[in-house]
Amino acid sequence: MSKMLASVNSVAEALLVLNAEVDIIDLKQPALGALGALDTDLVLEIVENIAGRCPVSATVGDLPMQAELIFNAVNAMASTGVDYIKIGFFPDGDSLAVVKKLAELSSQYKLIAVLFADTQPDFALIPALKAAGFAGVMLDTMNKQQGSLTQVMTLSEIARFVKLTKTQSLLCGLAGSLKLADINILKPFQADYLGFRGALCVQQHRTGQLDSSAIEQIKQVITQF
């Protein structure tokens, strides 16, 4: 059964989804892009408030595919004590060089690669991520205006992504403007996590405030067999 990842950008939001018993709390700033990063001081404050009661992940931001730059960003975010660090693999640049560089950190930290369904991602990268010691891979969307994951990628391709990731014994996540209606479409693929932000917000505006009733509704549908 898939679990629920909820993206938040403040201590208050983190505590709200913690009380809603989500399965993983994801820290990012939606106003800064697909994987906009929070300041490390704020991430540290959130981690301290969660106090080990729920796994926490954090993004390092929408960074260019420059190995040294991303290496340093991962090191900086790791200092906050988050459980997982998410790294976006954008279409421009040398992804394999980034993977090779991050292999130096994968024995210390749980790294999650994020591929973007609307950028024609190369799933051949998945075995390389496994070889480099990554903990998991998520499939997301970069342009949030084009619709949800199920609108920008065929279900057969999504299924192929999940199968490839699971074949490599990596954690597997699906996200990308997911709506309530997407849950039952994606459930049969049995990804480890389904990730949400916009669907949890007032009027489904991903940069807006969280809506407690929306969080509860998403959680309820995910946990239904």
N, C-alpha and C. Protein backbone atom coordinates (compact mmCIF):
# COMPACT_ATOMS: atom_id res chain seq x y z
N MET A 1 0.83 -1.20 0.00
CA MET A 1 0.00 0.00 0.00
C MET A 1 0.87 1.26 0.00
N SER A 2 0.52 2.21 -0.84
CA SER A 2 1.27 3.46 -0.89
C SER A 2 1.04 4.29 0.36
N LYS A 3 2.07 5.01 0.76
CA LYS A 3 1.97 5.91 1.90
C LYS A 3 1.86 7.36 1.42
N MET A 4 1.60 8.27 2.36
CA MET A 4 1.33 9.66 2.00
C MET A 4 2.49 10.57 2.39
N LEU A 5 2.99 11.30 1.40
CA LEU A 5 3.98 12.35 1.61
C LEU A 5 3.28 13.68 1.47
N ALA A 6 3.50 14.58 2.44
CA ALA A 6 2.91 15.91 2.41
C ALA A 6 4.02 16.96 2.44
N SER A 7 3.99 17.87 1.48
CA SER A 7 5.01 18.92 1.41
C SER A 7 4.56 20.16 2.19
N VAL A 8 5.47 20.66 3.02
CA VAL A 8 5.16 21.81 3.88
C VAL A 8 6.30 22.82 3.83
N ASN A 9 6.02 24.06 4.28
CA ASN A 9 7.06 25.08 4.22
C ASN A 9 7.23 25.89 5.51
N SER A 10 6.70 25.36 6.62
CA SER A 10 6.83 26.06 7.89
C SER A 10 6.68 25.09 9.05
N VAL A 11 7.05 25.56 10.23
CA VAL A 11 6.86 24.74 11.44
C VAL A 11 5.38 24.44 11.65
N ALA A 12 4.55 25.46 11.49
CA ALA A 12 3.11 25.28 11.71
C ALA A 12 2.52 24.25 10.76
N GLU A 13 2.91 24.32 9.47
CA GLU A 13 2.41 23.34 8.51
C GLU A 13 2.92 21.94 8.84
N ALA A 14 4.17 21.85 9.25
CA ALA A 14 4.74 20.54 9.59
C ALA A 14 3.98 19.91 10.75
N LEU A 15 3.65 20.70 11.75
CA LEU A 15 2.92 20.17 12.91
C LEU A 15 1.49 19.80 12.53
N LEU A 16 0.92 20.55 11.59
CA LEU A 16 -0.44 20.24 11.14
C LEU A 16 -0.49 18.87 10.46
N VAL A 17 0.44 18.61 9.56
CA VAL A 17 0.41 17.30 8.87
C VAL A 17 0.89 16.18 9.78
N LEU A 18 1.74 16.51 10.75
CA LEU A 18 2.13 15.51 11.75
C LEU A 18 0.89 15.04 12.52
N ASN A 19 0.06 15.98 12.93
CA ASN A 19 -1.15 15.64 13.66
C ASN A 19 -2.15 14.87 12.80
N ALA A 20 -2.04 15.06 11.48
CA ALA A 20 -2.91 14.33 10.56
C ALA A 20 -2.36 12.93 10.27
N GLU A 21 -1.21 12.62 10.86
CA GLU A 21 -0.59 11.30 10.75
C GLU A 21 -0.19 10.94 9.32
N VAL A 22 0.39 11.92 8.61
CA VAL A 22 0.95 11.59 7.30
C VAL A 22 2.18 10.71 7.51
N ASP A 23 2.65 10.09 6.45
CA ASP A 23 3.73 9.11 6.60
C ASP A 23 5.12 9.70 6.44
N ILE A 24 5.23 10.80 5.70
CA ILE A 24 6.50 11.50 5.59
C ILE A 24 6.23 12.97 5.36
N ILE A 25 6.99 13.80 6.05
CA ILE A 25 6.86 15.26 5.94
C ILE A 25 7.99 15.76 5.06
N ASP A 26 7.60 16.40 3.97
CA ASP A 26 8.56 16.86 2.96
C ASP A 26 8.68 18.38 3.04
N LEU A 27 9.91 18.87 3.15
CA LEU A 27 10.13 20.31 3.33
C LEU A 27 10.59 20.95 2.03
N LYS A 28 9.79 21.90 1.54
CA LYS A 28 10.18 22.66 0.35
C LYS A 28 9.38 23.95 0.31
N GLN A 29 9.83 24.88 -0.54
CA GLN A 29 9.17 26.16 -0.70
C GLN A 29 8.55 26.22 -2.10
N PRO A 30 7.25 25.95 -2.23
CA PRO A 30 6.62 25.90 -3.55
C PRO A 30 6.74 27.19 -4.35
N ALA A 31 6.85 28.31 -3.66
CA ALA A 31 6.95 29.60 -4.36
C ALA A 31 8.27 29.75 -5.11
N LEU A 32 9.24 28.88 -4.82
CA LEU A 32 10.57 28.99 -5.43
C LEU A 32 10.81 27.96 -6.53
N GLY A 33 9.75 27.28 -6.97
CA GLY A 33 9.92 26.33 -8.06
C GLY A 33 9.43 24.94 -7.72
N ALA A 34 9.68 24.01 -8.64
CA ALA A 34 9.22 22.63 -8.45
C ALA A 34 9.79 22.02 -7.18
N LEU A 35 11.07 22.30 -6.91
CA LEU A 35 11.73 21.77 -5.72
C LEU A 35 12.41 22.89 -4.95
N GLY A 36 11.73 24.01 -4.81
CA GLY A 36 12.31 25.15 -4.09
C GLY A 36 12.72 24.76 -2.68
N ALA A 37 13.91 25.19 -2.27
CA ALA A 37 14.45 24.79 -0.97
C ALA A 37 14.09 25.79 0.12
N LEU A 38 13.90 25.29 1.32
CA LEU A 38 13.78 26.14 2.50
C LEU A 38 15.18 26.46 3.03
N ASP A 39 15.30 27.57 3.73
CA ASP A 39 16.55 27.92 4.39
C ASP A 39 16.91 26.83 5.40
N THR A 40 18.18 26.50 5.49
CA THR A 40 18.58 25.41 6.37
C THR A 40 18.26 25.68 7.84
N ASP A 41 18.27 26.94 8.26
CA ASP A 41 17.91 27.25 9.65
C ASP A 41 16.46 26.88 9.93
N LEU A 42 15.58 27.15 8.95
CA LEU A 42 14.17 26.79 9.11
C LEU A 42 13.99 25.28 9.08
N VAL A 43 14.71 24.61 8.21
CA VAL A 43 14.65 23.14 8.16
C VAL A 43 15.07 22.55 9.50
N LEU A 44 16.14 23.06 10.06
CA LEU A 44 16.61 22.60 11.37
C LEU A 44 15.54 22.80 12.44
N GLU A 45 14.88 23.96 12.40
CA GLU A 45 13.82 24.25 13.38
C GLU A 45 12.66 23.26 13.23
N ILE A 46 12.30 22.97 12.01
CA ILE A 46 11.21 22.01 11.78
C ILE A 46 11.61 20.62 12.26
N VAL A 47 12.82 20.20 11.93
CA VAL A 47 13.30 18.88 12.37
C VAL A 47 13.27 18.79 13.89
N GLU A 48 13.68 19.85 14.57
CA GLU A 48 13.68 19.86 16.03
C GLU A 48 12.26 19.76 16.58
N ASN A 49 11.30 20.41 15.91
CA ASN A 49 9.91 20.36 16.37
C ASN A 49 9.26 19.01 16.11
N ILE A 50 9.63 18.37 15.00
CA ILE A 50 9.08 17.05 14.71
C ILE A 50 9.67 16.02 15.66
N ALA A 51 10.92 16.21 16.03
CA ALA A 51 11.58 15.41 17.07
C ALA A 51 11.47 13.90 16.85
N GLY A 52 11.67 13.48 15.60
CA GLY A 52 11.71 12.06 15.32
C GLY A 52 10.37 11.37 15.26
N ARG A 53 9.28 12.12 15.35
CA ARG A 53 7.95 11.50 15.36
C ARG A 53 7.47 11.11 13.96
N CYS A 54 8.16 11.58 12.93
CA CYS A 54 7.79 11.25 11.56
C CYS A 54 9.03 11.46 10.69
N PRO A 55 9.27 10.63 9.70
CA PRO A 55 10.40 10.88 8.80
C PRO A 55 10.24 12.23 8.09
N VAL A 56 11.36 12.89 7.88
CA VAL A 56 11.36 14.21 7.23
C VAL A 56 12.31 14.19 6.04
N SER A 57 11.82 14.71 4.92
CA SER A 57 12.68 14.89 3.75
C SER A 57 12.76 16.38 3.42
N ALA A 58 13.80 16.76 2.68
CA ALA A 58 13.95 18.16 2.27
C ALA A 58 14.63 18.22 0.91
N THR A 59 14.23 19.18 0.12
CA THR A 59 14.84 19.38 -1.19
C THR A 59 16.02 20.35 -1.07
N VAL A 60 16.92 20.28 -2.06
CA VAL A 60 18.06 21.21 -2.08
C VAL A 60 17.83 22.36 -3.06
N GLY A 61 16.65 22.39 -3.69
CA GLY A 61 16.34 23.50 -4.59
C GLY A 61 16.43 23.14 -6.06
N ASP A 62 15.94 24.04 -6.88
CA ASP A 62 16.00 23.86 -8.33
C ASP A 62 17.39 24.29 -8.82
N LEU A 63 18.33 23.40 -8.70
CA LEU A 63 19.73 23.73 -8.99
C LEU A 63 20.14 23.19 -10.35
N PRO A 64 21.07 23.90 -11.02
CA PRO A 64 21.60 23.38 -12.29
C PRO A 64 22.41 22.12 -12.03
N MET A 65 22.50 21.29 -13.06
CA MET A 65 23.19 20.01 -12.94
C MET A 65 24.71 20.19 -12.94
N GLN A 66 25.19 20.80 -11.86
CA GLN A 66 26.63 21.00 -11.66
C GLN A 66 27.03 20.20 -10.42
N ALA A 67 27.88 19.22 -10.61
CA ALA A 67 28.17 18.23 -9.57
C ALA A 67 28.63 18.86 -8.26
N GLU A 68 29.58 19.77 -8.32
CA GLU A 68 30.13 20.36 -7.09
C GLU A 68 29.09 21.19 -6.37
N LEU A 69 28.31 21.95 -7.13
CA LEU A 69 27.26 22.79 -6.55
C LEU A 69 26.24 21.93 -5.79
N ILE A 70 25.80 20.87 -6.41
CA ILE A 70 24.80 20.01 -5.78
C ILE A 70 25.40 19.25 -4.61
N PHE A 71 26.63 18.79 -4.74
CA PHE A 71 27.34 18.13 -3.65
C PHE A 71 27.35 19.02 -2.40
N ASN A 72 27.69 20.29 -2.57
CA ASN A 72 27.75 21.22 -1.44
C ASN A 72 26.37 21.49 -0.86
N ALA A 73 25.35 21.57 -1.73
CA ALA A 73 23.98 21.81 -1.26
C ALA A 73 23.47 20.62 -0.44
N VAL A 74 23.80 19.42 -0.88
CA VAL A 74 23.39 18.22 -0.15
C VAL A 74 24.07 18.17 1.21
N ASN A 75 25.35 18.48 1.24
CA ASN A 75 26.07 18.50 2.52
C ASN A 75 25.46 19.51 3.48
N ALA A 76 25.10 20.68 2.96
CA ALA A 76 24.52 21.72 3.81
C ALA A 76 23.17 21.29 4.36
N MET A 77 22.33 20.69 3.51
CA MET A 77 21.01 20.26 3.96
C MET A 77 21.14 19.09 4.94
N ALA A 78 22.11 18.23 4.73
CA ALA A 78 22.31 17.08 5.62
C ALA A 78 22.61 17.51 7.05
N SER A 79 23.22 18.69 7.19
CA SER A 79 23.58 19.18 8.53
C SER A 79 22.35 19.47 9.40
N THR A 80 21.16 19.54 8.78
CA THR A 80 19.93 19.82 9.54
C THR A 80 19.37 18.58 10.23
N GLY A 81 19.84 17.40 9.81
CA GLY A 81 19.34 16.18 10.42
C GLY A 81 18.11 15.59 9.77
N VAL A 82 17.75 16.04 8.56
CA VAL A 82 16.61 15.43 7.87
C VAL A 82 16.92 13.97 7.54
N ASP A 83 15.87 13.19 7.38
CA ASP A 83 16.05 11.76 7.10
C ASP A 83 16.39 11.49 5.64
N TYR A 84 15.82 12.28 4.75
CA TYR A 84 16.04 12.10 3.31
C TYR A 84 16.33 13.44 2.66
N ILE A 85 17.21 13.42 1.66
CA ILE A 85 17.53 14.64 0.90
C ILE A 85 17.17 14.40 -0.55
N LYS A 86 16.32 15.27 -1.10
CA LYS A 86 15.83 15.13 -2.47
C LYS A 86 16.62 16.02 -3.42
N ILE A 87 17.03 15.44 -4.52
CA ILE A 87 17.83 16.16 -5.53
C ILE A 87 17.12 16.07 -6.87
N GLY A 88 16.76 17.21 -7.43
CA GLY A 88 16.11 17.22 -8.73
C GLY A 88 17.10 17.01 -9.86
N PHE A 89 16.77 16.12 -10.78
CA PHE A 89 17.60 15.89 -11.96
C PHE A 89 16.91 16.55 -13.17
N PHE A 90 17.38 17.74 -13.47
CA PHE A 90 16.79 18.56 -14.51
C PHE A 90 17.40 18.21 -15.87
N PRO A 91 16.72 18.57 -16.96
CA PRO A 91 17.14 18.08 -18.29
C PRO A 91 18.48 18.60 -18.79
N ASP A 92 18.91 19.78 -18.34
CA ASP A 92 20.18 20.34 -18.83
C ASP A 92 21.33 19.95 -17.89
N GLY A 93 22.47 19.64 -18.46
CA GLY A 93 23.64 19.33 -17.64
C GLY A 93 23.99 17.85 -17.66
N ASP A 94 25.00 17.51 -16.88
CA ASP A 94 25.54 16.16 -16.86
C ASP A 94 25.03 15.40 -15.63
N SER A 95 23.90 14.71 -15.80
CA SER A 95 23.29 13.99 -14.68
C SER A 95 24.21 12.91 -14.14
N LEU A 96 24.90 12.19 -15.03
CA LEU A 96 25.77 11.10 -14.57
C LEU A 96 26.93 11.62 -13.74
N ALA A 97 27.44 12.81 -14.07
CA ALA A 97 28.51 13.40 -13.26
C ALA A 97 28.01 13.73 -11.86
N VAL A 98 26.76 14.21 -11.78
CA VAL A 98 26.15 14.51 -10.48
C VAL A 98 25.99 13.23 -9.67
N VAL A 99 25.48 12.18 -10.33
CA VAL A 99 25.30 10.89 -9.65
C VAL A 99 26.64 10.38 -9.12
N LYS A 100 27.66 10.45 -9.94
CA LYS A 100 28.98 9.95 -9.54
C LYS A 100 29.53 10.73 -8.34
N LYS A 101 29.36 12.05 -8.35
CA LYS A 101 29.84 12.87 -7.25
C LYS A 101 29.08 12.58 -5.95
N LEU A 102 27.75 12.42 -6.08
CA LEU A 102 26.93 12.18 -4.89
C LEU A 102 27.15 10.79 -4.31
N ALA A 103 27.75 9.88 -5.09
CA ALA A 103 28.08 8.56 -4.56
C ALA A 103 29.03 8.68 -3.36
N GLU A 104 29.76 9.80 -3.28
CA GLU A 104 30.67 10.02 -2.15
C GLU A 104 29.90 10.28 -0.85
N LEU A 105 28.60 10.63 -0.97
CA LEU A 105 27.80 10.96 0.21
C LEU A 105 26.74 9.91 0.54
N SER A 106 26.50 9.00 -0.39
CA SER A 106 25.35 8.11 -0.25
C SER A 106 25.47 7.11 0.90
N SER A 107 26.68 6.87 1.38
CA SER A 107 26.83 5.97 2.53
C SER A 107 26.51 6.68 3.84
N GLN A 108 26.51 8.03 3.81
CA GLN A 108 26.23 8.83 5.01
C GLN A 108 24.78 9.30 5.08
N TYR A 109 24.20 9.60 3.92
CA TYR A 109 22.86 10.20 3.87
C TYR A 109 21.96 9.43 2.92
N LYS A 110 20.66 9.49 3.19
CA LYS A 110 19.68 8.86 2.31
C LYS A 110 19.29 9.85 1.22
N LEU A 111 19.73 9.58 0.01
CA LEU A 111 19.51 10.48 -1.12
C LEU A 111 18.36 9.98 -1.98
N ILE A 112 17.51 10.91 -2.37
CA ILE A 112 16.38 10.60 -3.23
C ILE A 112 16.50 11.43 -4.51
N ALA A 113 16.60 10.77 -5.64
CA ALA A 113 16.64 11.47 -6.93
C ALA A 113 15.20 11.78 -7.36
N VAL A 114 15.01 12.95 -7.93
CA VAL A 114 13.70 13.34 -8.44
C VAL A 114 13.81 13.53 -9.95
N LEU A 115 13.07 12.72 -10.71
CA LEU A 115 13.00 12.84 -12.16
C LEU A 115 11.69 13.54 -12.52
N PHE A 116 11.69 14.24 -13.64
CA PHE A 116 10.52 15.04 -14.00
C PHE A 116 9.83 14.48 -15.23
N ALA A 117 8.59 14.08 -15.04
CA ALA A 117 7.84 13.39 -16.09
C ALA A 117 7.64 14.25 -17.33
N ASP A 118 7.58 15.56 -17.16
CA ASP A 118 7.32 16.46 -18.29
C ASP A 118 8.59 16.92 -18.99
N THR A 119 9.74 16.28 -18.70
CA THR A 119 11.00 16.64 -19.36
C THR A 119 11.62 15.44 -20.08
N GLN A 120 10.77 14.45 -20.39
CA GLN A 120 11.24 13.23 -21.05
C GLN A 120 12.43 12.60 -20.31
N PRO A 121 12.22 12.22 -19.05
CA PRO A 121 13.31 11.69 -18.23
C PRO A 121 13.85 10.38 -18.78
N ASP A 122 15.13 10.17 -18.58
CA ASP A 122 15.78 8.94 -19.02
C ASP A 122 15.77 7.93 -17.88
N PHE A 123 14.91 6.94 -17.97
CA PHE A 123 14.80 5.95 -16.91
C PHE A 123 16.04 5.06 -16.83
N ALA A 124 16.92 5.15 -17.82
CA ALA A 124 18.18 4.40 -17.77
C ALA A 124 19.07 4.90 -16.65
N LEU A 125 18.74 6.09 -16.10
CA LEU A 125 19.50 6.63 -14.98
C LEU A 125 19.26 5.84 -13.69
N ILE A 126 18.13 5.13 -13.62
CA ILE A 126 17.74 4.46 -12.37
C ILE A 126 18.78 3.43 -11.91
N PRO A 127 19.27 2.53 -12.78
CA PRO A 127 20.31 1.61 -12.32
C PRO A 127 21.58 2.32 -11.86
N ALA A 128 21.92 3.45 -12.49
CA ALA A 128 23.10 4.22 -12.08
C ALA A 128 22.90 4.80 -10.68
N LEU A 129 21.68 5.21 -10.39
CA LEU A 129 21.37 5.74 -9.05
C LEU A 129 21.53 4.63 -8.00
N LYS A 130 21.06 3.44 -8.34
CA LYS A 130 21.23 2.30 -7.42
C LYS A 130 22.71 2.02 -7.18
N ALA A 131 23.49 2.00 -8.26
CA ALA A 131 24.92 1.70 -8.15
C ALA A 131 25.64 2.75 -7.32
N ALA A 132 25.14 3.98 -7.35
CA ALA A 132 25.77 5.08 -6.61
C ALA A 132 25.31 5.14 -5.16
N GLY A 133 24.39 4.24 -4.77
CA GLY A 133 23.98 4.17 -3.38
C GLY A 133 22.80 5.04 -2.99
N PHE A 134 22.07 5.55 -3.99
CA PHE A 134 20.87 6.34 -3.67
C PHE A 134 19.86 5.46 -2.96
N ALA A 135 19.01 6.10 -2.14
CA ALA A 135 17.99 5.36 -1.39
C ALA A 135 16.70 5.21 -2.17
N GLY A 136 16.42 6.14 -3.09
CA GLY A 136 15.16 6.08 -3.81
C GLY A 136 15.08 7.06 -4.96
N VAL A 137 13.97 6.95 -5.69
CA VAL A 137 13.71 7.82 -6.83
C VAL A 137 12.24 8.24 -6.79
N MET A 138 12.00 9.52 -7.07
CA MET A 138 10.63 10.01 -7.21
C MET A 138 10.41 10.49 -8.63
N LEU A 139 9.19 10.34 -9.09
CA LEU A 139 8.77 10.90 -10.37
C LEU A 139 7.83 12.06 -10.07
N ASP A 140 8.17 13.24 -10.56
CA ASP A 140 7.43 14.47 -10.25
C ASP A 140 7.18 15.20 -11.57
N THR A 141 6.65 16.42 -11.49
CA THR A 141 6.51 17.28 -12.66
C THR A 141 7.22 18.59 -12.39
N MET A 142 7.79 19.18 -13.43
CA MET A 142 8.50 20.44 -13.28
C MET A 142 7.56 21.63 -13.48
N ASN A 143 6.76 21.58 -14.52
CA ASN A 143 5.81 22.66 -14.81
C ASN A 143 4.47 22.33 -14.19
N LYS A 144 4.13 23.01 -13.11
CA LYS A 144 2.92 22.69 -12.36
C LYS A 144 1.65 23.19 -13.05
N GLN A 145 1.81 23.93 -14.15
CA GLN A 145 0.65 24.45 -14.86
C GLN A 145 0.12 23.48 -15.92
N GLN A 146 0.86 22.43 -16.20
CA GLN A 146 0.48 21.51 -17.28
C GLN A 146 -0.43 20.37 -16.82
N GLY A 147 -0.74 20.34 -15.54
CA GLY A 147 -1.60 19.28 -15.04
C GLY A 147 -0.86 18.30 -14.17
N SER A 148 -1.57 17.28 -13.72
CA SER A 148 -0.99 16.31 -12.80
C SER A 148 -0.13 15.30 -13.54
N LEU A 149 0.58 14.51 -12.78
CA LEU A 149 1.45 13.47 -13.34
C LEU A 149 0.71 12.60 -14.34
N THR A 150 -0.53 12.24 -14.02
CA THR A 150 -1.29 11.34 -14.89
C THR A 150 -1.72 12.02 -16.19
N GLN A 151 -1.58 13.34 -16.25
CA GLN A 151 -1.93 14.07 -17.46
C GLN A 151 -0.72 14.32 -18.36
N VAL A 152 0.47 14.25 -17.81
CA VAL A 152 1.67 14.55 -18.60
C VAL A 152 2.48 13.30 -18.94
N MET A 153 2.11 12.17 -18.36
CA MET A 153 2.79 10.91 -18.69
C MET A 153 1.77 9.79 -18.76
N THR A 154 1.93 8.89 -19.72
CA THR A 154 0.99 7.78 -19.85
C THR A 154 1.09 6.85 -18.64
N LEU A 155 -0.01 6.18 -18.37
CA LEU A 155 -0.01 5.25 -17.24
C LEU A 155 0.97 4.11 -17.46
N SER A 156 1.16 3.71 -18.70
CA SER A 156 2.11 2.63 -18.97
C SER A 156 3.54 3.06 -18.65
N GLU A 157 3.88 4.33 -18.92
CA GLU A 157 5.21 4.84 -18.59
C GLU A 157 5.38 5.00 -17.08
N ILE A 158 4.33 5.44 -16.40
CA ILE A 158 4.39 5.54 -14.95
C ILE A 158 4.60 4.15 -14.34
N ALA A 159 3.87 3.18 -14.86
CA ALA A 159 4.02 1.80 -14.39
C ALA A 159 5.43 1.29 -14.65
N ARG A 160 5.99 1.64 -15.80
CA ARG A 160 7.35 1.22 -16.13
C ARG A 160 8.36 1.83 -15.15
N PHE A 161 8.15 3.10 -14.81
CA PHE A 161 9.03 3.76 -13.84
C PHE A 161 9.00 3.03 -12.50
N VAL A 162 7.80 2.74 -12.02
CA VAL A 162 7.66 2.06 -10.73
C VAL A 162 8.33 0.70 -10.77
N LYS A 163 8.10 -0.05 -11.84
CA LYS A 163 8.69 -1.39 -11.95
C LYS A 163 10.21 -1.33 -11.97
N LEU A 164 10.77 -0.40 -12.76
CA LEU A 164 12.22 -0.27 -12.84
C LEU A 164 12.82 0.10 -11.48
N THR A 165 12.15 1.02 -10.78
CA THR A 165 12.65 1.47 -9.48
C THR A 165 12.60 0.34 -8.46
N LYS A 166 11.50 -0.37 -8.44
CA LYS A 166 11.35 -1.47 -7.49
C LYS A 166 12.30 -2.63 -7.83
N THR A 167 12.55 -2.85 -9.12
CA THR A 167 13.48 -3.89 -9.53
C THR A 167 14.88 -3.61 -8.98
N GLN A 168 15.20 -2.32 -8.83
CA GLN A 168 16.49 -1.93 -8.27
C GLN A 168 16.46 -1.84 -6.74
N SER A 169 15.34 -2.24 -6.14
CA SER A 169 15.17 -2.21 -4.67
C SER A 169 15.37 -0.80 -4.11
N LEU A 170 14.86 0.18 -4.83
CA LEU A 170 14.90 1.58 -4.40
C LEU A 170 13.51 2.00 -3.93
N LEU A 171 13.47 2.92 -2.96
CA LEU A 171 12.20 3.54 -2.61
C LEU A 171 11.64 4.23 -3.85
N CYS A 172 10.33 4.17 -4.00
CA CYS A 172 9.69 4.70 -5.21
C CYS A 172 8.58 5.67 -4.82
N GLY A 173 8.62 6.88 -5.36
CA GLY A 173 7.59 7.87 -5.07
C GLY A 173 7.00 8.46 -6.34
N LEU A 174 5.72 8.79 -6.29
CA LEU A 174 5.03 9.46 -7.39
C LEU A 174 4.43 10.75 -6.86
N ALA A 175 4.67 11.84 -7.59
CA ALA A 175 4.14 13.15 -7.21
C ALA A 175 3.92 13.95 -8.49
N GLY A 176 3.58 15.22 -8.34
CA GLY A 176 3.40 16.08 -9.50
C GLY A 176 1.96 16.56 -9.63
N SER A 177 1.59 17.55 -8.82
CA SER A 177 0.24 18.13 -8.85
C SER A 177 -0.85 17.07 -8.75
N LEU A 178 -0.59 16.03 -7.96
CA LEU A 178 -1.57 14.96 -7.81
C LEU A 178 -2.85 15.49 -7.17
N LYS A 179 -3.96 15.02 -7.69
CA LYS A 179 -5.28 15.38 -7.17
C LYS A 179 -5.89 14.16 -6.49
N LEU A 180 -7.00 14.40 -5.81
CA LEU A 180 -7.70 13.31 -5.14
C LEU A 180 -8.04 12.19 -6.12
N ALA A 181 -8.48 12.57 -7.32
CA ALA A 181 -8.88 11.58 -8.33
C ALA A 181 -7.71 10.73 -8.82
N ASP A 182 -6.48 11.23 -8.67
CA ASP A 182 -5.31 10.48 -9.13
C ASP A 182 -4.98 9.29 -8.23
N ILE A 183 -5.43 9.34 -7.00
CA ILE A 183 -5.00 8.34 -6.03
C ILE A 183 -5.40 6.93 -6.47
N ASN A 184 -6.67 6.76 -6.80
CA ASN A 184 -7.13 5.41 -7.17
C ASN A 184 -6.58 4.98 -8.52
N ILE A 185 -6.18 5.94 -9.35
CA ILE A 185 -5.54 5.60 -10.63
C ILE A 185 -4.13 5.04 -10.37
N LEU A 186 -3.43 5.64 -9.42
CA LEU A 186 -2.03 5.29 -9.17
C LEU A 186 -1.85 4.16 -8.16
N LYS A 187 -2.83 3.94 -7.32
CA LYS A 187 -2.72 2.91 -6.28
C LYS A 187 -2.27 1.54 -6.80
N PRO A 188 -2.82 1.07 -7.94
CA PRO A 188 -2.45 -0.27 -8.39
C PRO A 188 -0.96 -0.43 -8.69
N PHE A 189 -0.24 0.66 -8.93
CA PHE A 189 1.18 0.57 -9.24
C PHE A 189 2.02 0.31 -7.98
N GLN A 190 1.43 0.55 -6.80
CA GLN A 190 2.05 0.25 -5.51
C GLN A 190 3.40 0.95 -5.32
N ALA A 191 3.45 2.22 -5.69
CA ALA A 191 4.61 3.03 -5.32
C ALA A 191 4.67 3.14 -3.80
N ASP A 192 5.85 3.34 -3.26
CA ASP A 192 5.97 3.44 -1.80
C ASP A 192 5.29 4.68 -1.26
N TYR A 193 5.39 5.78 -2.02
CA TYR A 193 4.81 7.05 -1.56
C TYR A 193 4.08 7.75 -2.69
N LEU A 194 2.98 8.41 -2.36
CA LEU A 194 2.34 9.38 -3.23
C LEU A 194 2.50 10.75 -2.56
N GLY A 195 2.99 11.73 -3.33
CA GLY A 195 3.32 13.02 -2.74
C GLY A 195 2.34 14.11 -3.14
N PHE A 196 2.01 14.97 -2.17
CA PHE A 196 1.00 16.01 -2.39
C PHE A 196 1.44 17.36 -1.83
N ARG A 197 1.03 18.41 -2.53
CA ARG A 197 1.11 19.78 -2.00
C ARG A 197 -0.17 20.54 -2.36
N GLY A 198 -0.36 20.82 -3.66
CA GLY A 198 -1.51 21.61 -4.08
C GLY A 198 -2.83 21.06 -3.61
N ALA A 199 -3.00 19.74 -3.69
CA ALA A 199 -4.27 19.12 -3.30
C ALA A 199 -4.56 19.27 -1.81
N LEU A 200 -3.54 19.62 -1.04
CA LEU A 200 -3.71 19.78 0.41
C LEU A 200 -4.01 21.23 0.80
N CYS A 201 -4.00 22.13 -0.18
CA CYS A 201 -4.10 23.56 0.10
C CYS A 201 -5.51 24.10 -0.17
N VAL A 202 -5.79 25.24 0.43
CA VAL A 202 -7.04 25.95 0.18
C VAL A 202 -7.15 26.26 -1.31
N GLN A 203 -8.28 25.87 -1.91
CA GLN A 203 -8.55 26.06 -3.35
C GLN A 203 -7.46 25.43 -4.23
N GLN A 204 -6.74 24.47 -3.68
CA GLN A 204 -5.71 23.72 -4.41
C GLN A 204 -4.61 24.61 -4.99
N HIS A 205 -4.34 25.71 -4.32
CA HIS A 205 -3.24 26.60 -4.71
C HIS A 205 -1.99 26.17 -3.93
N ARG A 206 -1.00 25.63 -4.63
CA ARG A 206 0.16 25.02 -3.96
C ARG A 206 0.98 25.99 -3.12
N THR A 207 0.85 27.29 -3.40
CA THR A 207 1.56 28.29 -2.60
C THR A 207 0.69 28.86 -1.49
N GLY A 208 -0.53 28.34 -1.37
CA GLY A 208 -1.46 28.84 -0.35
C GLY A 208 -1.36 28.08 0.95
N GLN A 209 -2.34 28.33 1.81
CA GLN A 209 -2.36 27.69 3.13
C GLN A 209 -2.89 26.26 3.03
N LEU A 210 -2.43 25.43 3.95
CA LEU A 210 -2.94 24.06 4.01
C LEU A 210 -4.38 24.04 4.52
N ASP A 211 -5.13 23.07 4.04
CA ASP A 211 -6.53 22.90 4.41
C ASP A 211 -6.66 21.57 5.15
N SER A 212 -7.00 21.63 6.41
CA SER A 212 -7.07 20.42 7.25
C SER A 212 -8.01 19.37 6.68
N SER A 213 -9.14 19.82 6.16
CA SER A 213 -10.12 18.87 5.63
C SER A 213 -9.60 18.19 4.37
N ALA A 214 -8.86 18.92 3.55
CA ALA A 214 -8.28 18.34 2.34
C ALA A 214 -7.22 17.30 2.70
N ILE A 215 -6.41 17.61 3.71
CA ILE A 215 -5.39 16.67 4.17
C ILE A 215 -6.04 15.37 4.64
N GLU A 216 -7.09 15.51 5.43
CA GLU A 216 -7.79 14.34 5.96
C GLU A 216 -8.43 13.52 4.85
N GLN A 217 -8.97 14.20 3.86
CA GLN A 217 -9.63 13.50 2.74
C GLN A 217 -8.62 12.69 1.93
N ILE A 218 -7.48 13.32 1.62
CA ILE A 218 -6.41 12.61 0.89
C ILE A 218 -5.93 11.41 1.68
N LYS A 219 -5.70 11.62 2.97
CA LYS A 219 -5.21 10.54 3.84
C LYS A 219 -6.20 9.37 3.85
N GLN A 220 -7.47 9.69 3.94
CA GLN A 220 -8.51 8.66 4.01
C GLN A 220 -8.54 7.82 2.74
N VAL A 221 -8.46 8.47 1.58
CA VAL A 221 -8.53 7.74 0.31
C VAL A 221 -7.29 6.86 0.13
N ILE A 222 -6.12 7.37 0.53
CA ILE A 222 -4.89 6.59 0.40
C ILE A 222 -4.94 5.33 1.26
N THR A 223 -5.48 5.46 2.43
CA THR A 223 -5.48 4.33 3.38
C THR A 223 -6.61 3.32 3.12
N GLN A 224 -7.54 3.66 2.23
CA GLN A 224 -8.59 2.71 1.88
C GLN A 224 -8.00 1.60 1.02
N PHE A 225 -8.42 0.39 1.27
CA PHE A 225 -7.95 -0.74 0.47
C PHE A 225 -8.77 -0.82 -0.81
